[in-house]
Amino acid sequence: MNGFTGRLSTFNDIGKNLIDWVIFDNEDIYQAANITEINTTGIETDLRYKNINPSSGNYLSNISLGYSWITQNFHEGDYESKYTNDFLRHKLSGSLSLVLGKNFTILYQISYQDRNGSYADYDPVNSLSFTSLFSPYWLSDFKLSFSKKHYSLFITANNLFDVEYKDVGNLVQPGRWISGGIILNGKFPEIKR
């Protein structure tokens, strides 16, 4: 069906005695314990437009825009949590899909992510350990596909602009990643045993 659709939702999750990696006062190693209490509240919304019959004058197939926001209240006693305070606070995402002629499709996606919390970092030059806050970042992905009745060819570029960013646990995420492939559609002979 052509036209706009939208969604708005909110949620609240109350967690008690959750398993978490914690470090107690006067200790130097993390250990698993179910003592963490977290109250998570959030909002998610998205707006989409779909054109099911793009014509030669209108190449737009789909467009979407979404946003989510999360906040957490948590209780810590005489310990420090390793992951409790690390959550995706803001995420803004959008996508645009275009149809070119009968066979080509272009998909472009963009997202902004702002993670709460911090991670343990290390400076090898000065042999120093320190804590760094997560930095917000933008990511872009691109996909070009060519489709016929019995097959499709595609090429994708994830993290198109080669953004350097880190996720939970100080894990460096991949840079630009280009891949391609072929998808075959059809009936294959049944294998009899």
Protein backbone atom coordinates (compact mmCIF):
# COMPACT_ATOMS: atom_id res chain seq x y z
CA MET A 1 0.00 0.00 0.00
CA ASN A 2 1.34 3.43 -0.93
CA GLY A 3 1.65 6.15 1.65
CA PHE A 4 2.95 6.98 5.08
CA THR A 5 2.99 4.80 8.17
CA GLY A 6 4.23 5.73 11.61
CA ARG A 7 4.84 4.14 14.97
CA LEU A 8 5.49 5.45 18.45
CA SER A 9 6.13 3.22 21.44
CA THR A 10 7.45 3.58 24.95
CA PHE A 11 8.70 0.99 27.39
CA ASN A 12 9.85 0.55 30.97
CA ASP A 13 11.79 -2.50 32.12
CA ILE A 14 12.54 -3.16 35.78
CA GLY A 15 15.32 -5.66 36.40
CA LYS A 16 16.38 -7.06 39.77
CA ASN A 17 19.22 -9.41 40.67
CA LEU A 18 20.60 -9.25 37.13
CA ILE A 19 23.83 -11.04 36.33
CA ASP A 20 26.61 -8.54 35.76
CA TRP A 21 30.39 -8.38 35.84
CA VAL A 22 31.30 -6.39 38.95
CA ILE A 23 34.40 -5.46 40.90
CA PHE A 24 34.10 -5.02 44.66
CA ASP A 25 35.93 -2.39 46.69
CA ASN A 26 39.55 -3.32 47.45
CA GLU A 27 39.61 -6.02 44.76
CA ASP A 28 41.24 -5.92 41.35
CA ILE A 29 39.35 -8.50 39.28
CA TYR A 30 35.80 -8.57 37.95
CA GLN A 31 33.49 -11.42 38.86
CA ALA A 32 29.98 -12.45 37.83
CA ALA A 33 27.24 -11.76 40.36
CA ASN A 34 23.49 -11.26 40.27
CA ILE A 35 23.15 -8.15 42.36
CA THR A 36 22.57 -5.37 39.84
CA GLU A 37 19.21 -3.55 39.72
CA ILE A 38 18.36 -1.55 36.59
CA ASN A 39 15.29 0.47 35.61
CA THR A 40 15.30 1.10 31.83
CA THR A 41 12.93 3.57 30.16
CA GLY A 42 12.79 4.39 26.48
CA ILE A 43 10.94 5.70 23.46
CA GLU A 44 11.05 4.43 19.87
CA THR A 45 9.48 6.11 16.87
CA ASP A 46 9.65 5.76 13.12
CA LEU A 47 8.02 7.22 10.03
CA ARG A 48 7.99 5.44 6.66
CA TYR A 49 6.83 6.16 3.14
CA LYS A 50 6.36 3.33 0.67
CA ASN A 51 5.71 3.65 -3.06
CA ILE A 52 4.79 0.18 -4.35
CA ASN A 53 4.75 1.20 -8.01
CA PRO A 54 7.65 3.54 -8.83
CA SER A 55 7.17 4.94 -12.32
CA SER A 56 9.72 6.33 -14.75
CA GLY A 57 9.11 9.81 -13.33
CA ASN A 58 9.28 8.80 -9.66
CA TYR A 59 12.19 6.61 -8.66
CA LEU A 60 11.49 6.67 -4.92
CA SER A 61 10.57 3.26 -3.54
CA ASN A 62 10.92 3.68 0.24
CA ILE A 63 12.08 6.28 2.70
CA SER A 64 12.22 5.93 6.49
CA LEU A 65 13.33 7.88 9.53
CA GLY A 66 13.54 6.48 13.06
CA TYR A 67 14.69 7.57 16.49
CA SER A 68 15.15 5.79 19.82
CA TRP A 69 16.07 7.14 23.24
CA ILE A 70 16.94 5.11 26.33
CA THR A 71 17.79 6.06 29.88
CA GLN A 72 18.72 3.81 32.79
CA ASN A 73 18.65 4.21 36.53
CA PHE A 74 20.67 1.63 38.37
CA HIS A 75 21.69 0.89 41.92
CA GLU A 76 25.26 0.04 42.75
CA GLY A 77 26.38 -0.84 46.25
CA ASP A 78 29.96 -1.43 47.30
CA TYR A 79 30.93 -2.54 43.81
CA GLU A 80 31.50 -1.15 40.33
CA SER A 81 29.63 -2.57 37.36
CA LYS A 82 31.53 -3.27 34.14
CA TYR A 83 28.60 -2.94 31.69
CA THR A 84 25.55 -1.51 33.49
CA ASN A 85 26.17 2.09 32.48
CA ASP A 86 26.95 1.21 28.82
CA PHE A 87 23.80 1.53 26.73
CA LEU A 88 22.80 3.15 23.45
CA ARG A 89 21.28 6.42 24.67
CA HIS A 90 20.36 7.94 21.28
CA LYS A 91 19.99 6.35 17.86
CA LEU A 92 18.78 8.20 14.78
CA SER A 93 18.48 6.22 11.56
CA GLY A 94 17.24 6.82 8.05
CA SER A 95 17.09 4.97 4.76
CA LEU A 96 16.31 5.77 1.15
CA SER A 97 15.53 3.19 -1.54
CA LEU A 98 15.42 4.09 -5.22
CA VAL A 99 14.40 1.99 -8.22
CA LEU A 100 16.22 2.76 -11.48
CA GLY A 101 14.53 1.22 -14.49
CA LYS A 102 13.21 -2.31 -14.13
CA ASN A 103 16.27 -3.96 -12.69
CA PHE A 104 18.41 -1.66 -10.53
CA THR A 105 17.80 -0.78 -6.89
CA ILE A 106 19.87 1.56 -4.72
CA LEU A 107 19.62 1.52 -0.92
CA TYR A 108 21.34 4.14 1.23
CA GLN A 109 21.21 3.98 5.04
CA ILE A 110 22.59 6.40 7.60
CA SER A 111 22.61 6.27 11.40
CA TYR A 112 23.78 8.36 14.33
CA GLN A 113 24.61 6.52 17.55
CA ASP A 114 25.45 7.97 20.95
CA ARG A 115 26.42 5.39 23.58
CA ASN A 116 26.39 6.19 27.28
CA GLY A 117 29.21 5.04 29.53
CA SER A 118 32.93 4.54 29.31
CA TYR A 119 35.56 1.92 28.65
CA ALA A 120 39.06 1.06 29.86
CA ASP A 121 41.67 2.40 27.47
CA TYR A 122 45.45 2.19 27.28
CA ASP A 123 48.20 4.47 26.02
CA PRO A 124 51.07 2.18 24.92
CA VAL A 125 53.51 5.06 24.39
CA ASN A 126 53.31 6.21 28.03
CA SER A 127 52.21 2.84 29.50
CA LEU A 128 49.12 4.44 31.06
CA SER A 129 45.67 2.98 31.66
CA PHE A 130 42.76 5.41 31.71
CA THR A 131 39.00 5.62 31.22
CA SER A 132 37.51 7.04 28.01
CA LEU A 133 33.92 8.07 27.32
CA PHE A 134 32.22 6.64 24.22
CA SER A 135 32.14 9.15 21.37
CA PRO A 136 29.02 9.53 19.18
CA TYR A 137 29.42 8.63 15.51
CA TRP A 138 27.66 8.55 12.12
CA LEU A 139 27.60 5.43 9.91
CA SER A 140 26.56 5.12 6.26
CA ASP A 141 25.83 1.97 4.26
CA PHE A 142 25.19 1.62 0.53
CA LYS A 143 23.81 -1.23 -1.58
CA LEU A 144 23.39 -1.50 -5.34
CA SER A 145 21.51 -4.49 -6.74
CA PHE A 146 20.56 -5.75 -10.17
CA SER A 147 17.67 -8.22 -10.37
CA LYS A 148 16.32 -10.51 -13.06
CA LYS A 149 13.73 -13.28 -12.80
CA HIS A 150 16.10 -16.05 -11.71
CA TYR A 151 19.01 -14.18 -10.15
CA SER A 152 20.14 -11.00 -8.41
CA LEU A 153 23.59 -9.42 -8.23
CA PHE A 154 24.53 -7.02 -5.45
CA ILE A 155 27.39 -5.01 -4.04
CA THR A 156 27.36 -3.43 -0.58
CA ALA A 157 29.61 -0.99 1.24
CA ASN A 158 29.19 -0.96 5.02
CA ASN A 159 30.69 1.95 6.97
CA LEU A 160 31.05 3.72 3.64
CA PHE A 161 33.13 6.64 5.00
CA ASP A 162 35.47 4.40 7.07
CA VAL A 163 34.47 5.87 10.46
CA GLU A 164 36.57 4.72 13.44
CA TYR A 165 34.40 3.83 16.43
CA LYS A 166 34.30 1.53 19.44
CA ASP A 167 31.54 -0.55 20.94
CA VAL A 168 31.00 -2.05 24.40
CA GLY A 169 34.18 -3.44 25.91
CA ASN A 170 36.50 -1.15 23.92
CA LEU A 171 36.04 -3.30 20.81
CA VAL A 172 37.21 -1.47 17.71
CA GLN A 173 34.59 -1.99 15.00
CA PRO A 174 35.39 -2.72 11.34
CA GLY A 175 36.17 0.10 8.95
CA ARG A 176 34.83 0.21 5.40
CA TRP A 177 33.70 -3.23 4.33
CA ILE A 178 32.81 -3.94 0.70
CA SER A 179 31.16 -7.21 -0.34
CA GLY A 180 29.12 -8.57 -3.20
CA GLY A 181 27.29 -11.65 -4.26
CA ILE A 182 24.73 -13.41 -6.35
CA ILE A 183 21.36 -14.79 -5.30
CA LEU A 184 19.78 -17.53 -7.40
CA ASN A 185 16.00 -17.89 -7.48
CA GLY A 186 14.33 -20.98 -8.85
CA LYS A 187 13.44 -24.58 -8.32
CA PHE A 188 16.20 -27.06 -7.84
CA PRO A 189 15.80 -30.80 -8.38
CA GLU A 190 14.87 -32.72 -5.27
CA ILE A 191 17.65 -34.92 -3.92
CA LYS A 192 16.39 -38.44 -3.37
CA ARG A 193 17.97 -40.67 -0.76
